[in-house]
């Protein structure tokens, strides 16, 4: 779903990636340098063990889910889980979710949940003044958080992860659409565009692939094999506008449909999601 998603991240790297998502402790004024360094290492280690453990557990649950559910069951599961953080269910319980606090006394988890809620509420007002606590995670880790309703993350944490994921997806779409139009203007073809979209699709986690039509990949493969020149075809009166083809492929994404549904049910939300 998301900007050349790398679906091959492993849980063994979760801890290292997690350390990028939070900053190390700053030395306090007047503290001995070696003591500050020790405190910094301790803080960093705790950060890794806290978030890294959560991410590893989420990855294990995602693997088990994807292994046991069929494609159609995964699609239904995705729809239900997204509604929890985007759709009518979220809107009906928004006040509750904004006051949700993790059932823990871990200051790291409490601070992150608070930051996620501040980010979400700020973003929903059209502001990006608050940093997304999940901005440094991998695409696969974001996906695992979004679709994890085990209780490890607050609803607003999952929503914040979705926002970061969707930002990356939209940035990729803008980029690949521009490349497609350049390809068409130069060659009359969209073959490289179809190849980029297929590669992107193949990199998505199973629960996100399941939200696309079953023949999505095979349809792209057929277009790639055809290597069709739409400019020549148009001269024969059978052309398809290139932007229509681009839009057609993007519109088939169930994630995009979920985003549009959210905008309809919550008109005050920013249009960038």
C-alpha atoms as a PDB file:
ATOM      1  CA  UNK A   1       0.000   0.000   0.000  1.00  0.00           C
ATOM      2  CA  UNK A   2       2.615   2.259   0.617  1.00  0.00           C
ATOM      3  CA  UNK A   3       5.491   3.762  -1.241  1.00  0.00           C
ATOM      4  CA  UNK A   4       7.337   0.719  -2.546  1.00  0.00           C
ATOM      5  CA  UNK A   5       6.491  -1.218   0.599  1.00  0.00           C
ATOM      6  CA  UNK A   6       9.123  -3.709   1.661  1.00  0.00           C
ATOM      7  CA  UNK A   7       7.176  -6.737   2.806  1.00  0.00           C
ATOM      8  CA  UNK A   8      10.354  -8.593   3.768  1.00  0.00           C
ATOM      9  CA  UNK A   9      11.102  -6.812   7.071  1.00  0.00           C
ATOM     10  CA  UNK A  10      11.650  -9.324   9.836  1.00  0.00           C
ATOM     11  CA  UNK A  11      10.862  -9.190  13.481  1.00  0.00           C
ATOM     12  CA  UNK A  12      14.575  -9.454  14.206  1.00  0.00           C
ATOM     13  CA  UNK A  13      14.985  -5.894  12.995  1.00  0.00           C
ATOM     14  CA  UNK A  14      12.007  -4.553  14.924  1.00  0.00           C
ATOM     15  CA  UNK A  15      14.096  -3.416  17.848  1.00  0.00           C
ATOM     16  CA  UNK A  16      16.621  -1.532  15.715  1.00  0.00           C
ATOM     17  CA  UNK A  17      13.870   0.186  13.798  1.00  0.00           C
ATOM     18  CA  UNK A  18      12.034   1.003  16.988  1.00  0.00           C
ATOM     19  CA  UNK A  19      15.023   2.913  18.321  1.00  0.00           C
ATOM     20  CA  UNK A  20      14.616   5.396  15.472  1.00  0.00           C
ATOM     21  CA  UNK A  21      11.043   6.140  16.487  1.00  0.00           C
ATOM     22  CA  UNK A  22      12.014   7.714  19.804  1.00  0.00           C
ATOM     23  CA  UNK A  23      14.819  10.010  20.849  1.00  0.00           C
ATOM     24  CA  UNK A  24      17.512   9.223  23.380  1.00  0.00           C
ATOM     25  CA  UNK A  25      17.570  10.980  26.716  1.00  0.00           C
ATOM     26  CA  UNK A  26      19.361  14.331  26.733  1.00  0.00           C
ATOM     27  CA  UNK A  27      22.111  14.807  29.364  1.00  0.00           C
ATOM     28  CA  UNK A  28      20.892  16.963  32.242  1.00  0.00           C
ATOM     29  CA  UNK A  29      22.673  20.174  33.026  1.00  0.00           C
ATOM     30  CA  UNK A  30      25.598  19.658  35.386  1.00  0.00           C
ATOM     31  CA  UNK A  31      25.464  15.855  35.251  1.00  0.00           C
ATOM     32  CA  UNK A  32      28.791  14.019  34.775  1.00  0.00           C
ATOM     33  CA  UNK A  33      29.339  13.102  31.158  1.00  0.00           C
ATOM     34  CA  UNK A  34      29.779   9.380  31.820  1.00  0.00           C
ATOM     35  CA  UNK A  35      26.628   9.305  33.955  1.00  0.00           C
ATOM     36  CA  UNK A  36      24.677  11.029  31.164  1.00  0.00           C
ATOM     37  CA  UNK A  37      25.977   8.492  28.687  1.00  0.00           C
ATOM     38  CA  UNK A  38      24.909   5.635  30.968  1.00  0.00           C
ATOM     39  CA  UNK A  39      21.435   7.135  31.391  1.00  0.00           C
ATOM     40  CA  UNK A  40      21.173   7.563  27.625  1.00  0.00           C
ATOM     41  CA  UNK A  41      22.082   3.926  26.988  1.00  0.00           C
ATOM     42  CA  UNK A  42      19.609   2.735  29.628  1.00  0.00           C
ATOM     43  CA  UNK A  43      16.806   4.863  28.146  1.00  0.00           C
ATOM     44  CA  UNK A  44      17.570   3.646  24.627  1.00  0.00           C
ATOM     45  CA  UNK A  45      17.644   0.012  25.748  1.00  0.00           C
ATOM     46  CA  UNK A  46      14.264   0.354  27.455  1.00  0.00           C
ATOM     47  CA  UNK A  47      12.810   2.001  24.351  1.00  0.00           C
ATOM     48  CA  UNK A  48      13.986  -0.869  22.196  1.00  0.00           C
ATOM     49  CA  UNK A  49      12.710  -3.543  24.568  1.00  0.00           C
ATOM     50  CA  UNK A  50       9.304  -1.875  24.975  1.00  0.00           C
ATOM     51  CA  UNK A  51       8.356  -1.012  21.396  1.00  0.00           C
ATOM     52  CA  UNK A  52      10.470  -3.761  19.870  1.00  0.00           C
ATOM     53  CA  UNK A  53       8.674  -6.399  21.909  1.00  0.00           C
ATOM     54  CA  UNK A  54       5.294  -5.009  20.883  1.00  0.00           C
ATOM     55  CA  UNK A  55       6.265  -4.962  17.222  1.00  0.00           C
ATOM     56  CA  UNK A  56       7.571  -8.524  17.371  1.00  0.00           C
ATOM     57  CA  UNK A  57       4.349  -9.700  19.001  1.00  0.00           C
ATOM     58  CA  UNK A  58       2.272  -7.858  16.384  1.00  0.00           C
ATOM     59  CA  UNK A  59       4.283  -9.469  13.599  1.00  0.00           C
ATOM     60  CA  UNK A  60       3.681 -12.924  15.097  1.00  0.00           C
ATOM     61  CA  UNK A  61      -0.056 -12.311  15.364  1.00  0.00           C
ATOM     62  CA  UNK A  62      -0.172 -11.002  11.787  1.00  0.00           C
ATOM     63  CA  UNK A  63       1.659 -14.069  10.524  1.00  0.00           C
ATOM     64  CA  UNK A  64      -0.757 -16.394  12.304  1.00  0.00           C
ATOM     65  CA  UNK A  65      -3.775 -14.451  11.015  1.00  0.00           C
ATOM     66  CA  UNK A  66      -2.556 -14.441   7.415  1.00  0.00           C
ATOM     67  CA  UNK A  67      -1.765 -18.149   7.588  1.00  0.00           C
ATOM     68  CA  UNK A  68      -5.180 -19.206   8.876  1.00  0.00           C
ATOM     69  CA  UNK A  69      -7.586 -16.901   6.987  1.00  0.00           C
ATOM     70  CA  UNK A  70      -8.515 -17.113   3.321  1.00  0.00           C
ATOM     71  CA  UNK A  71      -8.150 -14.115   1.030  1.00  0.00           C
ATOM     72  CA  UNK A  72     -11.836 -13.222   1.305  1.00  0.00           C
ATOM     73  CA  UNK A  73     -11.752 -13.670   5.085  1.00  0.00           C
ATOM     74  CA  UNK A  74      -8.720 -11.397   5.260  1.00  0.00           C
ATOM     75  CA  UNK A  75     -10.566  -8.769   3.218  1.00  0.00           C
ATOM     76  CA  UNK A  76     -13.551  -8.920   5.569  1.00  0.00           C
ATOM     77  CA  UNK A  77     -11.254  -8.752   8.583  1.00  0.00           C
ATOM     78  CA  UNK A  78      -9.498  -5.703   7.141  1.00  0.00           C
ATOM     79  CA  UNK A  79     -12.803  -3.906   6.568  1.00  0.00           C
ATOM     80  CA  UNK A  80     -13.861  -4.532  10.160  1.00  0.00           C
ATOM     81  CA  UNK A  81     -10.519  -3.457  11.614  1.00  0.00           C
ATOM     82  CA  UNK A  82     -10.325  -0.299   9.526  1.00  0.00           C
ATOM     83  CA  UNK A  83     -13.823   0.676  10.597  1.00  0.00           C
ATOM     84  CA  UNK A  84     -12.576   0.615  14.189  1.00  0.00           C
ATOM     85  CA  UNK A  85     -10.069   3.375  13.459  1.00  0.00           C
ATOM     86  CA  UNK A  86     -11.608   5.211  10.484  1.00  0.00           C
ATOM     87  CA  UNK A  87     -15.300   4.625   9.973  1.00  0.00           C
ATOM     88  CA  UNK A  88     -18.587   4.942  11.820  1.00  0.00           C
ATOM     89  CA  UNK A  89     -17.361   2.928  14.800  1.00  0.00           C
ATOM     90  CA  UNK A  90     -14.531   5.381  15.358  1.00  0.00           C
ATOM     91  CA  UNK A  91     -16.700   8.466  14.949  1.00  0.00           C
ATOM     92  CA  UNK A  92     -19.266   7.113  17.392  1.00  0.00           C
ATOM     93  CA  UNK A  93     -16.583   6.522  20.023  1.00  0.00           C
ATOM     94  CA  UNK A  94     -14.186   9.362  19.251  1.00  0.00           C
ATOM     95  CA  UNK A  95     -14.386  10.995  22.685  1.00  0.00           C
ATOM     96  CA  UNK A  96     -13.739   7.647  24.339  1.00  0.00           C
ATOM     97  CA  UNK A  97     -10.734   6.951  22.150  1.00  0.00           C
ATOM     98  CA  UNK A  98      -9.292  10.423  22.746  1.00  0.00           C
ATOM     99  CA  UNK A  99      -9.285   9.720  26.478  1.00  0.00           C
ATOM    100  CA  UNK A 100      -8.050   6.127  26.168  1.00  0.00           C
ATOM    101  CA  UNK A 101      -5.015   5.294  28.308  1.00  0.00           C
ATOM    102  CA  UNK A 102      -3.015   2.062  28.044  1.00  0.00           C
ATOM    103  CA  UNK A 103      -3.479  -0.358  30.933  1.00  0.00           C
ATOM    104  CA  UNK A 104       0.101  -0.037  32.102  1.00  0.00           C
ATOM    105  CA  UNK A 105       2.356   1.993  34.357  1.00  0.00           C
ATOM    106  CA  UNK A 106       5.151   1.960  31.756  1.00  0.00           C
ATOM    107  CA  UNK A 107       5.952   5.659  31.194  1.00  0.00           C
ATOM    108  CA  UNK A 108       7.193   4.917  27.672  1.00  0.00           C
ATOM    109  CA  UNK A 109       3.848   3.425  26.624  1.00  0.00           C
ATOM    110  CA  UNK A 110       1.837   6.114  28.367  1.00  0.00           C
ATOM    111  CA  UNK A 111       3.837   8.908  26.704  1.00  0.00           C
ATOM    112  CA  UNK A 112       3.549   7.337  23.269  1.00  0.00           C
ATOM    113  CA  UNK A 113      -0.208   6.855  23.536  1.00  0.00           C
ATOM    114  CA  UNK A 114      -0.609  10.471  24.634  1.00  0.00           C
ATOM    115  CA  UNK A 115       1.493  11.662  21.707  1.00  0.00           C
ATOM    116  CA  UNK A 116      -0.547   9.531  19.290  1.00  0.00           C
ATOM    117  CA  UNK A 117      -3.799  11.091  20.490  1.00  0.00           C
ATOM    118  CA  UNK A 118      -2.331  14.590  20.268  1.00  0.00           C
ATOM    119  CA  UNK A 119      -1.100  13.830  16.739  1.00  0.00           C
ATOM    120  CA  UNK A 120      -4.459  12.420  15.625  1.00  0.00           C
ATOM    121  CA  UNK A 121      -6.561  15.237  17.067  1.00  0.00           C
ATOM    122  CA  UNK A 122      -4.173  17.832  15.643  1.00  0.00           C
ATOM    123  CA  UNK A 123      -4.165  16.155  12.218  1.00  0.00           C
ATOM    124  CA  UNK A 124      -7.950  15.913  12.189  1.00  0.00           C
ATOM    125  CA  UNK A 125      -8.008  19.683  12.571  1.00  0.00           C
ATOM    126  CA  UNK A 126      -5.702  20.014   9.571  1.00  0.00           C
ATOM    127  CA  UNK A 127      -2.494  20.639  11.502  1.00  0.00           C
ATOM    128  CA  UNK A 128       0.749  18.718  11.555  1.00  0.00           C
ATOM    129  CA  UNK A 129       2.291  20.494  14.522  1.00  0.00           C
ATOM    130  CA  UNK A 130       2.567  17.241  16.507  1.00  0.00           C
ATOM    131  CA  UNK A 131       5.043  14.556  15.472  1.00  0.00           C
ATOM    132  CA  UNK A 132       3.673  11.123  14.601  1.00  0.00           C
ATOM    133  CA  UNK A 133       5.176   8.672  17.115  1.00  0.00           C
ATOM    134  CA  UNK A 134       5.323   5.996  14.406  1.00  0.00           C
ATOM    135  CA  UNK A 135       6.916   8.117  11.685  1.00  0.00           C
ATOM    136  CA  UNK A 136      10.181   6.153  11.657  1.00  0.00           C
ATOM    137  CA  UNK A 137       8.756   2.634  11.507  1.00  0.00           C
ATOM    138  CA  UNK A 138       8.887   0.432   8.438  1.00  0.00           C
ATOM    139  CA  UNK A 139       5.847   0.043   6.211  1.00  0.00           C
ATOM    140  CA  UNK A 140       5.284  -3.521   7.390  1.00  0.00           C
ATOM    141  CA  UNK A 141       5.479  -2.507  11.032  1.00  0.00           C
ATOM    142  CA  UNK A 142       2.918   0.229  10.416  1.00  0.00           C
ATOM    143  CA  UNK A 143       0.594  -2.294   8.817  1.00  0.00           C
ATOM    144  CA  UNK A 144       0.971  -4.682  11.742  1.00  0.00           C
ATOM    145  CA  UNK A 145      -0.022  -1.908  14.167  1.00  0.00           C
ATOM    146  CA  UNK A 146      -2.986  -0.760  12.049  1.00  0.00           C
ATOM    147  CA  UNK A 147      -4.561  -4.219  11.949  1.00  0.00           C
ATOM    148  CA  UNK A 148      -3.668  -5.293  15.510  1.00  0.00           C
ATOM    149  CA  UNK A 149      -6.753  -5.159  17.736  1.00  0.00           C
ATOM    150  CA  UNK A 150      -5.181  -7.318  20.430  1.00  0.00           C
ATOM    151  CA  UNK A 151      -5.112  -4.360  22.826  1.00  0.00           C
ATOM    152  CA  UNK A 152      -1.383  -3.703  22.616  1.00  0.00           C
ATOM    153  CA  UNK A 153      -2.058  -0.307  21.058  1.00  0.00           C
ATOM    154  CA  UNK A 154      -4.722   2.293  21.694  1.00  0.00           C
ATOM    155  CA  UNK A 155      -7.173   3.017  18.911  1.00  0.00           C
ATOM    156  CA  UNK A 156      -5.534   6.389  18.300  1.00  0.00           C
ATOM    157  CA  UNK A 157      -2.128   4.721  18.056  1.00  0.00           C
ATOM    158  CA  UNK A 158      -3.514   2.497  15.315  1.00  0.00           C
ATOM    159  CA  UNK A 159      -5.075   5.532  13.655  1.00  0.00           C
ATOM    160  CA  UNK A 160      -1.760   7.401  13.832  1.00  0.00           C
ATOM    161  CA  UNK A 161      -0.037   4.426  12.207  1.00  0.00           C
ATOM    162  CA  UNK A 162      -2.668   4.488   9.463  1.00  0.00           C
ATOM    163  CA  UNK A 163      -2.078   8.193   8.846  1.00  0.00           C
ATOM    164  CA  UNK A 164       1.661   7.620   8.384  1.00  0.00           C
ATOM    165  CA  UNK A 165       0.997   4.648   6.119  1.00  0.00           C
ATOM    166  CA  UNK A 166      -1.524   6.578   4.042  1.00  0.00           C
ATOM    167  CA  UNK A 167       0.817   9.571   3.731  1.00  0.00           C
ATOM    168  CA  UNK A 168       3.421   7.285   2.195  1.00  0.00           C
ATOM    169  CA  UNK A 169       0.855   5.696  -0.106  1.00  0.00           C
ATOM    170  CA  UNK A 170      -0.363   9.054  -1.374  1.00  0.00           C
ATOM    171  CA  UNK A 171       3.217  10.259  -1.947  1.00  0.00           C
ATOM    172  CA  UNK A 172       3.936   7.113  -3.956  1.00  0.00           C
ATOM    173  CA  UNK A 173       0.789   7.552  -6.032  1.00  0.00           C
ATOM    174  CA  UNK A 174       1.660  11.136  -6.905  1.00  0.00           C
ATOM    175  CA  UNK A 175       5.145  10.065  -7.948  1.00  0.00           C
ATOM    176  CA  UNK A 176       4.108   7.052 -10.013  1.00  0.00           C
ATOM    177  CA  UNK A 177       1.264   8.941 -11.713  1.00  0.00           C
ATOM    178  CA  UNK A 178       3.714  11.634 -12.823  1.00  0.00           C
ATOM    179  CA  UNK A 179       6.057   8.951 -14.139  1.00  0.00           C
ATOM    180  CA  UNK A 180       3.143   7.334 -15.993  1.00  0.00           C
ATOM    181  CA  UNK A 181       2.195  10.562 -17.746  1.00  0.00           C
ATOM    182  CA  UNK A 182       5.835  11.152 -18.685  1.00  0.00           C
ATOM    183  CA  UNK A 183       6.032   7.632 -20.097  1.00  0.00           C
ATOM    184  CA  UNK A 184       2.851   8.145 -22.091  1.00  0.00           C
ATOM    185  CA  UNK A 185       3.959  11.512 -23.455  1.00  0.00           C
ATOM    186  CA  UNK A 186       7.301  10.065 -24.558  1.00  0.00           C
ATOM    187  CA  UNK A 187       6.239   6.653 -25.858  1.00  0.00           C
ATOM    188  CA  UNK A 188       2.458   6.425 -25.968  1.00  0.00           C
ATOM    189  CA  UNK A 189       2.696   3.503 -23.549  1.00  0.00           C
ATOM    190  CA  UNK A 190       2.026   2.799 -19.858  1.00  0.00           C
ATOM    191  CA  UNK A 191       3.944  -0.458 -19.585  1.00  0.00           C
ATOM    192  CA  UNK A 192       6.475   0.795 -17.052  1.00  0.00           C
ATOM    193  CA  UNK A 193       3.642   2.269 -15.007  1.00  0.00           C
ATOM    194  CA  UNK A 194       1.856  -1.070 -14.891  1.00  0.00           C
ATOM    195  CA  UNK A 195       5.116  -2.745 -13.876  1.00  0.00           C
ATOM    196  CA  UNK A 196       5.648  -0.242 -11.042  1.00  0.00           C
ATOM    197  CA  UNK A 197       2.109  -0.776  -9.772  1.00  0.00           C
ATOM    198  CA  UNK A 198       2.540  -4.560  -9.888  1.00  0.00           C
ATOM    199  CA  UNK A 199       5.820  -4.397  -7.969  1.00  0.00           C
ATOM    200  CA  UNK A 200       4.142  -2.139  -5.419  1.00  0.00           C
ATOM    201  CA  UNK A 201       1.230  -4.535  -5.045  1.00  0.00           C
ATOM    202  CA  UNK A 202       3.487  -7.560  -4.606  1.00  0.00           C
ATOM    203  CA  UNK A 203       5.266  -5.753  -1.777  1.00  0.00           C
ATOM    204  CA  UNK A 204       2.066  -5.279   0.230  1.00  0.00           C
ATOM    205  CA  UNK A 205       1.293  -7.469   3.258  1.00  0.00           C
ATOM    206  CA  UNK A 206      -1.315 -10.163   2.658  1.00  0.00           C
ATOM    207  CA  UNK A 207      -4.084  -8.307   4.517  1.00  0.00           C
ATOM    208  CA  UNK A 208      -3.656  -5.316   2.204  1.00  0.00           C
ATOM    209  CA  UNK A 209      -3.377  -7.386  -0.975  1.00  0.00           C
ATOM    210  CA  UNK A 210      -6.676  -9.015   0.018  1.00  0.00           C
ATOM    211  CA  UNK A 211      -8.417  -5.635  -0.248  1.00  0.00           C
ATOM    212  CA  UNK A 212      -7.766  -5.485  -3.999  1.00  0.00           C
ATOM    213  CA  UNK A 213      -9.721  -7.446  -6.635  1.00  0.00           C
ATOM    214  CA  UNK A 214      -8.654 -11.061  -6.926  1.00  0.00           C
ATOM    215  CA  UNK A 215      -7.457 -10.599 -10.520  1.00  0.00           C
ATOM    216  CA  UNK A 216      -5.575  -7.362  -9.812  1.00  0.00           C
ATOM    217  CA  UNK A 217      -2.087  -8.825 -10.324  1.00  0.00           C
ATOM    218  CA  UNK A 218      -3.002 -10.951 -13.348  1.00  0.00           C
ATOM    219  CA  UNK A 219      -4.669  -7.951 -14.987  1.00  0.00           C
ATOM    220  CA  UNK A 220      -1.494  -5.920 -14.569  1.00  0.00           C
ATOM    221  CA  UNK A 221       0.628  -8.776 -15.876  1.00  0.00           C
ATOM    222  CA  UNK A 222      -1.551  -8.940 -18.999  1.00  0.00           C
ATOM    223  CA  UNK A 223      -1.122  -5.228 -19.605  1.00  0.00           C
ATOM    224  CA  UNK A 224       2.629  -5.524 -19.168  1.00  0.00           C
ATOM    225  CA  UNK A 225       2.814  -8.425 -21.623  1.00  0.00           C
ATOM    226  CA  UNK A 226       0.702  -6.515 -24.134  1.00  0.00           C
ATOM    227  CA  UNK A 227       3.094  -3.532 -24.089  1.00  0.00           C
ATOM    228  CA  UNK A 228       0.361  -1.534 -25.748  1.00  0.00           C
ATOM    229  CA  UNK A 229       0.825   1.830 -27.461  1.00  0.00           C
ATOM    230  CA  UNK A 230      -2.236   3.840 -26.524  1.00  0.00           C
ATOM    231  CA  UNK A 231      -1.373   6.707 -28.808  1.00  0.00           C
ATOM    232  CA  UNK A 232      -1.489   4.474 -31.868  1.00  0.00           C
ATOM    233  CA  UNK A 233      -4.599   2.782 -30.617  1.00  0.00           C
ATOM    234  CA  UNK A 234      -6.329   6.090 -30.185  1.00  0.00           C
ATOM    235  CA  UNK A 235      -5.634   6.868 -33.823  1.00  0.00           C
ATOM    236  CA  UNK A 236      -7.750   3.811 -34.597  1.00  0.00           C
ATOM    237  CA  UNK A 237     -10.596   5.130 -32.469  1.00  0.00           C
ATOM    238  CA  UNK A 238     -10.233   2.629 -29.626  1.00  0.00           C
ATOM    239  CA  UNK A 239      -8.070   4.547 -27.175  1.00  0.00           C
ATOM    240  CA  UNK A 240      -8.330   4.800 -23.424  1.00  0.00           C
ATOM    241  CA  UNK A 241      -7.278   8.052 -21.813  1.00  0.00           C
ATOM    242  CA  UNK A 242      -4.105   7.375 -19.786  1.00  0.00           C
ATOM    243  CA  UNK A 243      -5.375   9.166 -16.690  1.00  0.00           C
ATOM    244  CA  UNK A 244      -8.502   7.007 -16.785  1.00  0.00           C
ATOM    245  CA  UNK A 245      -6.326   3.893 -16.634  1.00  0.00           C
ATOM    246  CA  UNK A 246      -4.289   5.296 -13.758  1.00  0.00           C
ATOM    247  CA  UNK A 247      -7.418   6.253 -11.831  1.00  0.00           C
ATOM    248  CA  UNK A 248      -9.046   2.892 -12.559  1.00  0.00           C
ATOM    249  CA  UNK A 249      -6.188   1.002 -10.908  1.00  0.00           C
ATOM    250  CA  UNK A 250      -6.034   3.289  -7.904  1.00  0.00           C
ATOM    251  CA  UNK A 251      -9.795   3.276  -7.415  1.00  0.00           C
ATOM    252  CA  UNK A 252      -9.751  -0.513  -7.057  1.00  0.00           C
ATOM    253  CA  UNK A 253      -7.877  -0.247  -3.778  1.00  0.00           C
ATOM    254  CA  UNK A 254     -10.191  -1.015  -0.883  1.00  0.00           C
ATOM    255  CA  UNK A 255      -7.997   1.075   1.342  1.00  0.00           C
ATOM    256  CA  UNK A 256      -8.664   4.105  -0.793  1.00  0.00           C
ATOM    257  CA  UNK A 257     -12.372   3.373  -0.644  1.00  0.00           C
ATOM    258  CA  UNK A 258     -12.161   3.196   3.136  1.00  0.00           C
ATOM    259  CA  UNK A 259     -10.433   6.564   3.189  1.00  0.00           C
ATOM    260  CA  UNK A 260     -13.124   8.120   1.034  1.00  0.00           C
ATOM    261  CA  UNK A 261     -15.802   6.605   3.244  1.00  0.00           C
ATOM    262  CA  UNK A 262     -14.149   8.207   6.246  1.00  0.00           C
ATOM    263  CA  UNK A 263     -14.190  11.595   4.593  1.00  0.00           C
ATOM    264  CA  UNK A 264     -17.908  11.272   3.852  1.00  0.00           C
ATOM    265  CA  UNK A 265     -18.780  10.311   7.424  1.00  0.00           C
ATOM    266  CA  UNK A 266     -16.451  12.885   8.934  1.00  0.00           C
ATOM    267  CA  UNK A 267     -16.437  15.994   6.712  1.00  0.00           C
ATOM    268  CA  UNK A 268     -14.316  17.887   9.236  1.00  0.00           C
ATOM    269  CA  UNK A 269     -11.384  15.552   8.682  1.00  0.00           C
ATOM    270  CA  UNK A 270      -8.524  16.739   6.433  1.00  0.00           C
ATOM    271  CA  UNK A 271      -8.795  15.681   2.808  1.00  0.00           C
ATOM    272  CA  UNK A 272      -5.194  14.488   2.680  1.00  0.00           C
ATOM    273  CA  UNK A 273      -6.031  11.098   4.138  1.00  0.00           C
END
